[in-house]
Amino acid sequence: MKPALLIIDFQEAFSGGPNAPYFEASAAVVNDALAFFRQKGFPIVWIHQTNEAQGLVPGEKKFGVYSGLDRGTDGVEVHKRFSNSFRQTELDEVLKKAGADTLVVAGFRAQNCINETYCSALERGYYAVLLKGAIVTGDAEAIRIVERACDSVPLRTLKKLMHQGKTDTCGK
């Protein structure tokens, strides 16, 4: 197993209003995952929604990563225009180049971008899991539904599996 962490649409533009408490609550889980993936040298992919009409363009404050996350300087950025992070983007190429076969998905809009990217990953032959506690939307019930419909795993479980030598780089 060679995992990659996908952080989808965790952008300032979406972090207010009814989404705010969910962004705040999930930031700790995402930051823990980021620290773990960095320590292990696993790929991190930051996926950003773009929409010129809404001002979601590189360089604009609201396009940027949510301030509660440790963006660091690592990882690859992928910009998307559709809910499905694979659609008309270079995401598949980035993941193949990194040798990733297992995707750990975190981010915004459980019932749209997260669900569509998760399903598209499975269609492309990746094994995908949602990072439990790191899926965001302004509706707790929508999060529960998506987490039940998809494979969802707590970070502590992922860490335990990866520490047991279940990846290409653990134990080396």
Protein backbone atom coordinates (compact mmCIF):
# COMPACT_ATOMS: atom_id res chain seq x y z
CA MET A 1 0.00 0.00 0.00
CA LYS A 2 1.31 3.44 -0.95
CA PRO A 3 -1.10 6.05 0.44
CA ALA A 4 -1.63 9.64 -0.61
CA LEU A 5 -3.57 12.24 1.35
CA LEU A 6 -6.07 14.26 -0.70
CA ILE A 7 -7.22 17.50 0.91
CA ILE A 8 -10.15 18.74 -1.13
CA ASP A 9 -11.50 22.31 -1.12
CA PHE A 10 -10.33 23.12 2.40
CA GLN A 11 -10.33 26.77 1.33
CA GLU A 12 -11.04 30.05 3.11
CA ALA A 13 -13.97 30.75 0.79
CA PHE A 14 -15.96 27.87 2.24
CA SER A 15 -14.95 28.13 5.91
CA GLY A 16 -17.59 30.60 7.13
CA GLY A 17 -21.29 30.51 7.93
CA PRO A 18 -22.79 27.11 8.76
CA ASN A 19 -19.54 25.41 7.70
CA ALA A 20 -17.39 27.22 10.30
CA PRO A 21 -17.81 24.81 13.23
CA TYR A 22 -17.15 21.82 10.97
CA PHE A 23 -13.99 23.37 9.54
CA GLU A 24 -12.75 24.14 13.05
CA ALA A 25 -13.55 20.67 14.38
CA SER A 26 -11.95 18.81 11.48
CA ALA A 27 -8.78 20.95 11.31
CA ALA A 28 -7.14 19.05 14.18
CA VAL A 29 -7.72 15.70 12.44
CA VAL A 30 -6.40 17.02 9.12
CA ASN A 31 -3.35 18.57 10.80
CA ASP A 32 -2.59 15.27 12.56
CA ALA A 33 -2.88 13.46 9.23
CA LEU A 34 -0.62 16.04 7.57
CA ALA A 35 2.03 15.56 10.27
CA PHE A 36 1.86 11.78 9.91
CA PHE A 37 2.02 11.79 6.11
CA ARG A 38 4.94 14.25 6.19
CA GLN A 39 6.81 12.14 8.73
CA LYS A 40 6.36 9.04 6.56
CA GLY A 41 7.17 10.86 3.32
CA PHE A 42 3.81 9.98 1.78
CA PRO A 43 2.37 12.22 -0.95
CA ILE A 44 0.01 15.07 -0.06
CA VAL A 45 -2.25 16.62 -2.68
CA TRP A 46 -4.01 19.95 -2.08
CA ILE A 47 -7.03 20.20 -4.36
CA HIS A 48 -8.57 23.65 -4.85
CA GLN A 49 -11.88 24.61 -6.40
CA THR A 50 -11.52 27.39 -8.97
CA ASN A 51 -14.26 29.70 -10.14
CA GLU A 52 -13.31 33.04 -11.65
CA ALA A 53 -16.83 34.48 -11.25
CA GLN A 54 -16.66 33.82 -7.48
CA GLY A 55 -13.09 35.07 -7.13
CA LEU A 56 -11.72 31.58 -6.52
CA VAL A 57 -8.47 32.12 -8.36
CA PRO A 58 -4.87 31.59 -7.28
CA GLY A 59 -3.52 34.55 -5.34
CA GLU A 60 -6.87 35.58 -3.86
CA LYS A 61 -7.24 35.19 -0.08
CA LYS A 62 -10.44 33.14 -0.29
CA PHE A 63 -8.78 30.73 -2.74
CA GLY A 64 -6.14 29.89 -0.15
CA VAL A 65 -6.01 26.99 2.25
CA TYR A 66 -8.13 27.35 5.39
CA SER A 67 -6.10 29.22 8.01
CA GLY A 68 -6.61 26.46 10.58
CA LEU A 69 -4.53 24.00 8.54
CA ASP A 70 -0.78 23.65 8.50
CA ARG A 71 -0.23 24.20 4.77
CA GLY A 72 3.53 23.96 4.94
CA THR A 73 5.48 24.14 1.70
CA ASP A 74 5.14 20.53 0.62
CA GLY A 75 2.59 18.71 -1.45
CA VAL A 76 1.26 19.17 -4.93
CA GLU A 77 -1.57 21.53 -5.82
CA VAL A 78 -4.31 20.52 -8.25
CA HIS A 79 -6.92 23.02 -9.40
CA LYS A 80 -10.36 21.83 -10.41
CA ARG A 81 -13.54 23.30 -11.88
CA PHE A 82 -15.88 20.39 -11.16
CA SER A 83 -16.95 18.47 -8.06
CA ASN A 84 -15.01 15.38 -9.19
CA SER A 85 -11.34 16.14 -8.50
CA PHE A 86 -10.29 13.82 -11.34
CA ARG A 87 -12.44 15.46 -14.01
CA GLN A 88 -10.32 17.49 -16.43
CA THR A 89 -7.41 17.76 -13.97
CA GLU A 90 -3.96 16.23 -13.68
CA LEU A 91 -4.81 14.43 -10.40
CA ASP A 92 -4.59 10.91 -11.83
CA GLU A 93 -1.19 11.68 -13.37
CA VAL A 94 0.09 13.19 -10.10
CA LEU A 95 -0.98 10.10 -8.14
CA LYS A 96 0.46 7.66 -10.66
CA LYS A 97 3.77 9.55 -10.72
CA ALA A 98 3.89 9.31 -6.91
CA GLY A 99 3.11 5.59 -7.07
CA ALA A 100 0.01 6.02 -4.90
CA ASP A 101 -2.55 3.24 -4.89
CA THR A 102 -4.50 4.13 -1.74
CA LEU A 103 -6.20 7.50 -1.30
CA VAL A 104 -7.07 8.99 2.07
CA VAL A 105 -9.68 11.65 1.37
CA ALA A 106 -10.41 14.70 3.53
CA GLY A 107 -12.11 18.00 2.82
CA PHE A 108 -15.16 20.03 2.06
CA ARG A 109 -18.63 19.30 0.78
CA ALA A 110 -19.21 15.72 1.81
CA GLN A 111 -22.18 15.12 -0.46
CA ASN A 112 -20.56 16.63 -3.57
CA CYS A 113 -16.80 16.93 -4.03
CA ILE A 114 -15.84 14.30 -1.47
CA ASN A 115 -18.35 11.69 -2.60
CA GLU A 116 -17.71 12.26 -6.32
CA THR A 117 -13.93 12.13 -5.94
CA TYR A 118 -14.16 9.01 -3.76
CA CYS A 119 -16.34 7.19 -6.33
CA SER A 120 -14.15 8.32 -9.21
CA ALA A 121 -11.05 7.04 -7.42
CA LEU A 122 -12.64 3.61 -7.07
CA GLU A 123 -13.60 3.62 -10.76
CA ARG A 124 -9.94 4.31 -11.62
CA GLY A 125 -8.71 1.35 -9.57
CA TYR A 126 -7.53 3.16 -6.44
CA TYR A 127 -8.46 1.97 -2.99
CA ALA A 128 -10.03 4.99 -1.28
CA VAL A 129 -11.06 5.75 2.28
CA LEU A 130 -12.52 8.82 3.87
CA LEU A 131 -10.61 10.19 6.85
CA LYS A 132 -13.20 10.05 9.61
CA GLY A 133 -13.60 13.41 11.33
CA ALA A 134 -12.04 15.25 8.38
CA ILE A 135 -15.07 15.46 6.09
CA VAL A 136 -16.80 18.84 6.16
CA THR A 137 -20.11 20.35 5.14
CA GLY A 138 -22.62 22.59 6.91
CA ASP A 139 -24.87 19.62 7.67
CA ALA A 140 -23.92 16.94 10.21
CA GLU A 141 -26.44 14.47 8.75
CA ALA A 142 -24.87 14.76 5.28
CA ILE A 143 -21.48 13.95 6.79
CA ARG A 144 -22.91 10.88 8.58
CA ILE A 145 -24.58 9.65 5.39
CA VAL A 146 -21.43 9.97 3.28
CA GLU A 147 -19.24 8.40 5.98
CA ARG A 148 -21.65 5.44 6.16
CA ALA A 149 -21.88 5.06 2.37
CA CYS A 150 -18.11 5.12 1.86
CA ASP A 151 -15.28 3.36 3.66
CA SER A 152 -14.37 5.71 6.52
CA VAL A 153 -11.39 5.17 8.77
CA PRO A 154 -10.19 7.05 11.84
CA LEU A 155 -6.62 8.34 11.64
CA ARG A 156 -5.56 6.18 14.59
CA THR A 157 -6.53 3.06 12.60
CA LEU A 158 -4.61 4.23 9.53
CA LYS A 159 -1.54 4.92 11.67
CA LYS A 160 -1.72 1.48 13.24
CA LEU A 161 -1.98 -0.24 9.85
CA MET A 162 0.88 1.78 8.43
CA HIS A 163 3.09 1.17 11.50
CA GLN A 164 2.61 -2.57 11.07
CA GLY A 165 4.61 -2.49 7.84
CA LYS A 166 1.62 -2.47 5.50
CA THR A 167 3.15 0.22 3.28
CA ASP A 168 6.12 0.38 0.94
CA THR A 169 8.13 2.65 3.25
CA CYS A 170 7.25 1.61 6.82
CA GLY A 171 9.90 -0.30 8.68
CA LYS A 172 12.72 0.81 6.38
